[in-house]
């Protein structure tokens, strides 16, 4: 996989993850809880992205600039933290889960910051 293809693919998946987490967080704040199925589905998708990044890490280290690697690492760490956050919150009801919205929002903010850095870096390279 070429540098631009790998970067574009990972960046696209991180943006989709950000959108999914933001949508989940909005629903969580509105309802006060989420179903276990919804939480597990998002969590699995986030962990899959983290796994994909780790599997591509040797290629990432070969072809990406150091600042791009750092931004991707911060973004993946935020995605991983969000996935772990989605594992918590199951209390009395087996069908619903009360995720800590503030922790999830913090993960979303970190991911947004990382993506902003990557997009600025990409624009600088293209210019």
N, C-alpha and C. Protein backbone atom coordinates (compact mmCIF):
# COMPACT_ATOMS: atom_id res chain seq x y z
N UNK A 1 0.85 -1.17 0.00
CA UNK A 1 0.00 0.00 0.00
C UNK A 1 0.89 1.23 0.00
N UNK A 2 0.58 2.18 -0.87
CA UNK A 2 1.41 3.38 -0.96
C UNK A 2 1.17 4.30 0.23
N UNK A 3 2.08 5.24 0.37
CA UNK A 3 2.00 6.18 1.49
C UNK A 3 0.68 6.94 1.47
N UNK A 4 0.33 7.49 0.31
CA UNK A 4 -0.90 8.29 0.24
C UNK A 4 -2.14 7.43 0.44
N UNK A 5 -2.14 6.22 -0.08
CA UNK A 5 -3.29 5.34 0.09
C UNK A 5 -3.46 4.95 1.55
N UNK A 6 -2.37 4.56 2.19
CA UNK A 6 -2.42 4.18 3.60
C UNK A 6 -2.87 5.35 4.46
N UNK A 7 -2.27 6.51 4.22
CA UNK A 7 -2.63 7.69 5.01
C UNK A 7 -4.09 8.07 4.79
N UNK A 8 -4.51 8.08 3.53
CA UNK A 8 -5.90 8.45 3.21
C UNK A 8 -6.88 7.47 3.85
N UNK A 9 -6.57 6.18 3.79
CA UNK A 9 -7.44 5.16 4.34
C UNK A 9 -7.57 5.30 5.86
N UNK A 10 -6.43 5.44 6.53
CA UNK A 10 -6.47 5.59 7.99
C UNK A 10 -7.14 6.89 8.41
N UNK A 11 -6.85 7.97 7.69
CA UNK A 11 -7.45 9.25 8.01
C UNK A 11 -8.97 9.20 7.82
N UNK A 12 -9.40 8.59 6.74
CA UNK A 12 -10.84 8.45 6.48
C UNK A 12 -11.52 7.65 7.59
N UNK A 13 -10.90 6.56 8.00
CA UNK A 13 -11.49 5.73 9.06
C UNK A 13 -11.50 6.46 10.40
N UNK A 14 -10.49 7.29 10.66
CA UNK A 14 -10.49 8.06 11.90
C UNK A 14 -11.58 9.12 11.88
N UNK A 15 -11.81 9.74 10.73
CA UNK A 15 -12.88 10.73 10.61
C UNK A 15 -14.24 10.07 10.81
N UNK A 16 -14.43 8.91 10.22
CA UNK A 16 -15.68 8.17 10.41
C UNK A 16 -15.86 7.80 11.88
N UNK A 17 -14.78 7.38 12.54
CA UNK A 17 -14.85 7.06 13.97
C UNK A 17 -15.26 8.29 14.77
N UNK A 18 -14.70 9.44 14.42
CA UNK A 18 -15.06 10.69 15.11
C UNK A 18 -16.54 10.98 14.94
N UNK A 19 -17.06 10.84 13.74
CA UNK A 19 -18.47 11.08 13.47
C UNK A 19 -19.34 10.11 14.27
N UNK A 20 -18.95 8.85 14.29
CA UNK A 20 -19.71 7.84 15.03
C UNK A 20 -19.72 8.11 16.53
N UNK A 21 -18.57 8.48 17.07
CA UNK A 21 -18.49 8.77 18.51
C UNK A 21 -19.31 10.02 18.83
N UNK A 22 -19.24 11.03 17.97
CA UNK A 22 -20.01 12.26 18.20
C UNK A 22 -21.51 11.97 18.16
N UNK A 23 -21.95 11.15 17.22
CA UNK A 23 -23.37 10.80 17.13
C UNK A 23 -23.80 10.01 18.36
N UNK A 24 -22.98 9.05 18.76
CA UNK A 24 -23.27 8.24 19.95
C UNK A 24 -23.37 9.16 21.18
N UNK A 25 -22.41 10.07 21.31
CA UNK A 25 -22.40 10.97 22.46
C UNK A 25 -23.64 11.86 22.48
N UNK A 26 -24.06 12.34 21.32
CA UNK A 26 -25.27 13.17 21.26
C UNK A 26 -26.50 12.39 21.71
N UNK A 27 -26.61 11.16 21.22
CA UNK A 27 -27.73 10.32 21.65
C UNK A 27 -27.66 10.00 23.14
N UNK A 28 -26.46 9.72 23.62
CA UNK A 28 -26.27 9.39 25.04
C UNK A 28 -26.69 10.56 25.92
N UNK A 29 -26.30 11.76 25.52
CA UNK A 29 -26.67 12.95 26.31
C UNK A 29 -28.18 13.19 26.25
N UNK A 30 -28.79 12.93 25.11
CA UNK A 30 -30.24 13.15 24.97
C UNK A 30 -31.05 12.13 25.75
N UNK A 31 -30.65 10.86 25.66
CA UNK A 31 -31.43 9.79 26.31
C UNK A 31 -30.99 9.53 27.74
N UNK A 32 -29.73 9.73 28.03
CA UNK A 32 -29.22 9.42 29.36
C UNK A 32 -28.66 8.01 29.47
N UNK A 33 -28.85 7.21 28.47
CA UNK A 33 -28.36 5.82 28.45
C UNK A 33 -28.30 5.38 26.99
N UNK A 34 -27.68 4.25 26.75
CA UNK A 34 -27.66 3.65 25.41
C UNK A 34 -27.86 2.15 25.57
N UNK A 35 -28.28 1.50 24.49
CA UNK A 35 -28.43 0.05 24.58
C UNK A 35 -27.05 -0.60 24.55
N UNK A 36 -26.97 -1.77 25.13
CA UNK A 36 -25.71 -2.51 25.16
C UNK A 36 -25.28 -2.84 23.74
N UNK A 37 -26.23 -3.17 22.88
CA UNK A 37 -25.92 -3.53 21.49
C UNK A 37 -25.26 -2.35 20.77
N UNK A 38 -25.82 -1.15 20.92
CA UNK A 38 -25.25 0.04 20.29
C UNK A 38 -23.83 0.30 20.79
N UNK A 39 -23.65 0.18 22.08
CA UNK A 39 -22.34 0.42 22.68
C UNK A 39 -21.32 -0.61 22.21
N UNK A 40 -21.72 -1.87 22.19
CA UNK A 40 -20.79 -2.92 21.77
C UNK A 40 -20.43 -2.80 20.30
N UNK A 41 -21.39 -2.40 19.47
CA UNK A 41 -21.12 -2.24 18.04
C UNK A 41 -20.08 -1.14 17.81
N UNK A 42 -20.27 0.00 18.44
CA UNK A 42 -19.31 1.10 18.29
C UNK A 42 -17.96 0.71 18.87
N UNK A 43 -17.97 0.11 20.04
CA UNK A 43 -16.72 -0.31 20.69
C UNK A 43 -15.94 -1.27 19.78
N UNK A 44 -16.61 -2.24 19.20
CA UNK A 44 -15.94 -3.20 18.32
C UNK A 44 -15.35 -2.51 17.09
N UNK A 45 -16.08 -1.55 16.53
CA UNK A 45 -15.56 -0.81 15.37
C UNK A 45 -14.32 0.00 15.75
N UNK A 46 -14.34 0.60 16.92
CA UNK A 46 -13.18 1.39 17.37
C UNK A 46 -11.98 0.49 17.62
N UNK A 47 -12.20 -0.64 18.26
CA UNK A 47 -11.09 -1.57 18.49
C UNK A 47 -10.56 -2.14 17.18
N UNK A 48 -11.43 -2.36 16.21
CA UNK A 48 -10.99 -2.84 14.89
C UNK A 48 -10.06 -1.83 14.22
N UNK A 49 -10.39 -0.54 14.35
CA UNK A 49 -9.54 0.50 13.79
C UNK A 49 -8.18 0.52 14.48
N UNK A 50 -8.18 0.38 15.80
CA UNK A 50 -6.91 0.34 16.55
C UNK A 50 -6.06 -0.86 16.10
N UNK A 51 -6.70 -1.99 15.91
CA UNK A 51 -5.99 -3.19 15.45
C UNK A 51 -5.42 -2.99 14.06
N UNK A 52 -6.21 -2.40 13.18
CA UNK A 52 -5.73 -2.14 11.83
C UNK A 52 -4.50 -1.22 11.85
N UNK A 53 -4.55 -0.19 12.69
CA UNK A 53 -3.41 0.72 12.79
C UNK A 53 -2.17 -0.03 13.28
N UNK A 54 -2.33 -0.85 14.31
CA UNK A 54 -1.18 -1.61 14.83
C UNK A 54 -0.61 -2.55 13.78
N UNK A 55 -1.48 -3.18 13.00
CA UNK A 55 -1.01 -4.08 11.96
C UNK A 55 -0.25 -3.34 10.86
N UNK A 56 -0.62 -2.10 10.60
CA UNK A 56 0.04 -1.29 9.57
C UNK A 56 1.18 -0.44 10.13
N UNK A 57 1.45 -0.56 11.41
CA UNK A 57 2.46 0.29 12.05
C UNK A 57 3.84 0.21 11.39
N UNK A 58 4.33 -0.96 11.00
CA UNK A 58 5.64 -0.98 10.32
C UNK A 58 5.66 -0.12 9.05
N UNK A 59 4.58 -0.17 8.27
CA UNK A 59 4.50 0.65 7.06
C UNK A 59 4.35 2.13 7.42
N UNK A 60 3.58 2.40 8.46
CA UNK A 60 3.39 3.78 8.91
C UNK A 60 4.73 4.39 9.29
N UNK A 61 5.52 3.65 10.04
CA UNK A 61 6.81 4.17 10.49
C UNK A 61 7.79 4.37 9.34
N UNK A 62 7.64 3.59 8.28
CA UNK A 62 8.54 3.71 7.12
C UNK A 62 8.24 4.94 6.28
N UNK A 63 6.97 5.24 6.10
CA UNK A 63 6.60 6.22 5.08
C UNK A 63 6.03 7.54 5.61
N UNK A 64 5.59 7.58 6.85
CA UNK A 64 5.00 8.81 7.36
C UNK A 64 6.06 9.71 7.97
N UNK A 65 5.78 10.99 7.96
CA UNK A 65 6.64 11.96 8.63
C UNK A 65 6.48 11.82 10.14
N UNK A 66 7.50 12.18 10.93
CA UNK A 66 7.40 12.02 12.39
C UNK A 66 6.19 12.73 13.01
N UNK A 67 5.86 13.94 12.53
CA UNK A 67 4.71 14.65 13.10
C UNK A 67 3.40 13.96 12.74
N UNK A 68 3.35 13.32 11.56
CA UNK A 68 2.16 12.56 11.18
C UNK A 68 2.00 11.33 12.07
N UNK A 69 3.10 10.67 12.33
CA UNK A 69 3.05 9.49 13.21
C UNK A 69 2.55 9.90 14.59
N UNK A 70 3.08 11.00 15.11
CA UNK A 70 2.67 11.47 16.44
C UNK A 70 1.17 11.80 16.47
N UNK A 71 0.68 12.45 15.42
CA UNK A 71 -0.74 12.79 15.37
C UNK A 71 -1.62 11.55 15.25
N UNK A 72 -1.18 10.59 14.42
CA UNK A 72 -1.93 9.34 14.31
C UNK A 72 -1.93 8.60 15.65
N UNK A 73 -0.79 8.58 16.32
CA UNK A 73 -0.70 7.90 17.63
C UNK A 73 -1.66 8.52 18.63
N UNK A 74 -1.71 9.85 18.68
CA UNK A 74 -2.63 10.53 19.60
C UNK A 74 -4.08 10.21 19.25
N UNK A 75 -4.38 10.20 17.96
CA UNK A 75 -5.74 9.88 17.52
C UNK A 75 -6.14 8.46 17.86
N UNK A 76 -5.24 7.52 17.63
CA UNK A 76 -5.52 6.12 17.94
C UNK A 76 -5.64 5.93 19.45
N UNK A 77 -4.83 6.65 20.22
CA UNK A 77 -4.95 6.56 21.69
C UNK A 77 -6.32 7.07 22.14
N UNK A 78 -6.80 8.14 21.51
CA UNK A 78 -8.13 8.67 21.85
C UNK A 78 -9.22 7.67 21.47
N UNK A 79 -9.07 7.03 20.31
CA UNK A 79 -10.05 6.03 19.87
C UNK A 79 -10.05 4.84 20.82
N UNK A 80 -8.86 4.42 21.22
CA UNK A 80 -8.75 3.31 22.17
C UNK A 80 -9.38 3.67 23.51
N UNK A 81 -9.14 4.88 23.98
CA UNK A 81 -9.74 5.32 25.24
C UNK A 81 -11.26 5.36 25.15
N UNK A 82 -11.77 5.80 24.00
CA UNK A 82 -13.22 5.83 23.80
C UNK A 82 -13.79 4.41 23.81
N UNK A 83 -13.07 3.48 23.19
CA UNK A 83 -13.53 2.09 23.17
C UNK A 83 -13.56 1.50 24.58
N UNK A 84 -12.54 1.80 25.36
CA UNK A 84 -12.51 1.32 26.75
C UNK A 84 -13.63 1.97 27.56
N UNK A 85 -13.88 3.25 27.30
CA UNK A 85 -14.98 3.95 27.99
C UNK A 85 -16.31 3.27 27.69
N UNK A 86 -16.47 2.77 26.47
CA UNK A 86 -17.71 2.10 26.09
C UNK A 86 -17.87 0.75 26.76
N UNK A 87 -16.83 0.25 27.41
CA UNK A 87 -16.91 -1.02 28.12
C UNK A 87 -17.47 -0.85 29.53
N UNK A 88 -17.53 0.40 29.99
CA UNK A 88 -17.99 0.67 31.35
C UNK A 88 -19.46 1.06 31.34
N UNK A 89 -20.04 1.19 32.51
CA UNK A 89 -21.38 1.73 32.62
C UNK A 89 -22.50 0.73 32.75
N UNK A 90 -22.19 -0.54 32.67
CA UNK A 90 -23.26 -1.54 32.81
C UNK A 90 -23.48 -1.76 34.30
N UNK A 91 -24.65 -1.38 34.79
CA UNK A 91 -24.91 -1.47 36.23
C UNK A 91 -26.03 -2.46 36.52
N UNK A 92 -27.22 -1.96 36.72
CA UNK A 92 -28.32 -2.81 37.17
C UNK A 92 -29.10 -3.45 36.02
N UNK A 93 -29.16 -2.80 34.89
CA UNK A 93 -29.98 -3.29 33.79
C UNK A 93 -29.09 -3.98 32.74
N UNK A 94 -29.42 -5.20 32.38
CA UNK A 94 -28.57 -5.91 31.42
C UNK A 94 -28.70 -5.43 29.97
N UNK A 95 -29.72 -4.62 29.66
CA UNK A 95 -29.95 -4.20 28.28
C UNK A 95 -29.54 -2.77 27.99
N UNK A 96 -29.28 -1.99 29.01
CA UNK A 96 -28.93 -0.59 28.82
C UNK A 96 -27.64 -0.29 29.56
N UNK A 97 -26.94 0.72 29.08
CA UNK A 97 -25.63 1.05 29.62
C UNK A 97 -25.55 2.57 29.78
N UNK A 98 -24.97 3.02 30.86
CA UNK A 98 -24.83 4.45 31.13
C UNK A 98 -23.35 4.83 31.05
N UNK A 99 -22.91 5.16 29.86
CA UNK A 99 -21.52 5.53 29.62
C UNK A 99 -21.28 6.92 30.22
N UNK A 100 -20.08 7.13 30.75
CA UNK A 100 -19.69 8.44 31.27
C UNK A 100 -19.50 9.38 30.08
N UNK A 101 -20.47 10.26 29.87
CA UNK A 101 -20.46 11.15 28.71
C UNK A 101 -19.28 12.12 28.74
N UNK A 102 -18.87 12.55 29.92
CA UNK A 102 -17.75 13.48 30.02
C UNK A 102 -16.44 12.83 29.57
N UNK A 103 -16.23 11.58 29.96
CA UNK A 103 -15.02 10.86 29.51
C UNK A 103 -15.05 10.66 28.00
N UNK A 104 -16.20 10.29 27.48
CA UNK A 104 -16.32 10.08 26.05
C UNK A 104 -16.11 11.39 25.29
N UNK A 105 -16.61 12.48 25.83
CA UNK A 105 -16.41 13.79 25.20
C UNK A 105 -14.94 14.18 25.21
N UNK A 106 -14.24 13.85 26.28
CA UNK A 106 -12.80 14.12 26.34
C UNK A 106 -12.05 13.34 25.26
N UNK A 107 -12.43 12.09 25.06
CA UNK A 107 -11.83 11.28 23.99
C UNK A 107 -12.12 11.89 22.63
N UNK A 108 -13.35 12.37 22.45
CA UNK A 108 -13.74 12.99 21.18
C UNK A 108 -12.94 14.26 20.94
N UNK A 109 -12.73 15.06 21.97
CA UNK A 109 -11.92 16.27 21.84
C UNK A 109 -10.48 15.95 21.46
N UNK A 110 -9.91 14.92 22.08
CA UNK A 110 -8.54 14.52 21.76
C UNK A 110 -8.45 14.03 20.32
N UNK A 111 -9.44 13.26 19.89
CA UNK A 111 -9.46 12.77 18.51
C UNK A 111 -9.60 13.94 17.54
N UNK A 112 -10.45 14.89 17.84
CA UNK A 112 -10.62 16.06 16.98
C UNK A 112 -9.34 16.86 16.86
N UNK A 113 -8.65 17.03 17.96
CA UNK A 113 -7.37 17.75 17.96
C UNK A 113 -6.35 17.03 17.09
N UNK A 114 -6.29 15.73 17.22
CA UNK A 114 -5.37 14.92 16.43
C UNK A 114 -5.69 15.02 14.94
N UNK A 115 -6.96 14.91 14.60
CA UNK A 115 -7.37 15.01 13.20
C UNK A 115 -7.08 16.39 12.62
N UNK A 116 -7.27 17.43 13.41
CA UNK A 116 -6.96 18.78 12.96
C UNK A 116 -5.47 18.89 12.62
N UNK A 117 -4.62 18.32 13.48
CA UNK A 117 -3.18 18.33 13.23
C UNK A 117 -2.84 17.58 11.95
N UNK A 118 -3.47 16.45 11.73
CA UNK A 118 -3.22 15.67 10.52
C UNK A 118 -3.68 16.40 9.26
N UNK A 119 -4.83 17.03 9.33
CA UNK A 119 -5.34 17.74 8.16
C UNK A 119 -4.49 18.96 7.84
N UNK A 120 -4.02 19.67 8.87
CA UNK A 120 -3.13 20.81 8.65
C UNK A 120 -1.82 20.33 8.04
N UNK A 121 -1.29 19.22 8.56
CA UNK A 121 -0.06 18.66 8.03
C UNK A 121 -0.23 18.26 6.57
N UNK A 122 -1.35 17.66 6.26
CA UNK A 122 -1.62 17.21 4.89
C UNK A 122 -1.72 18.41 3.95
N UNK A 123 -2.37 19.48 4.38
CA UNK A 123 -2.49 20.67 3.55
C UNK A 123 -1.14 21.31 3.32
N UNK A 124 -0.28 21.30 4.33
CA UNK A 124 1.06 21.87 4.19
C UNK A 124 1.90 21.07 3.19
N UNK A 125 1.74 19.77 3.20
CA UNK A 125 2.49 18.90 2.29
C UNK A 125 2.01 19.11 0.85
N UNK A 126 0.70 19.26 0.68
CA UNK A 126 0.15 19.43 -0.66
C UNK A 126 0.44 20.80 -1.25
N UNK A 127 0.67 21.79 -0.39
CA UNK A 127 0.92 23.15 -0.89
C UNK A 127 2.30 23.35 -1.44
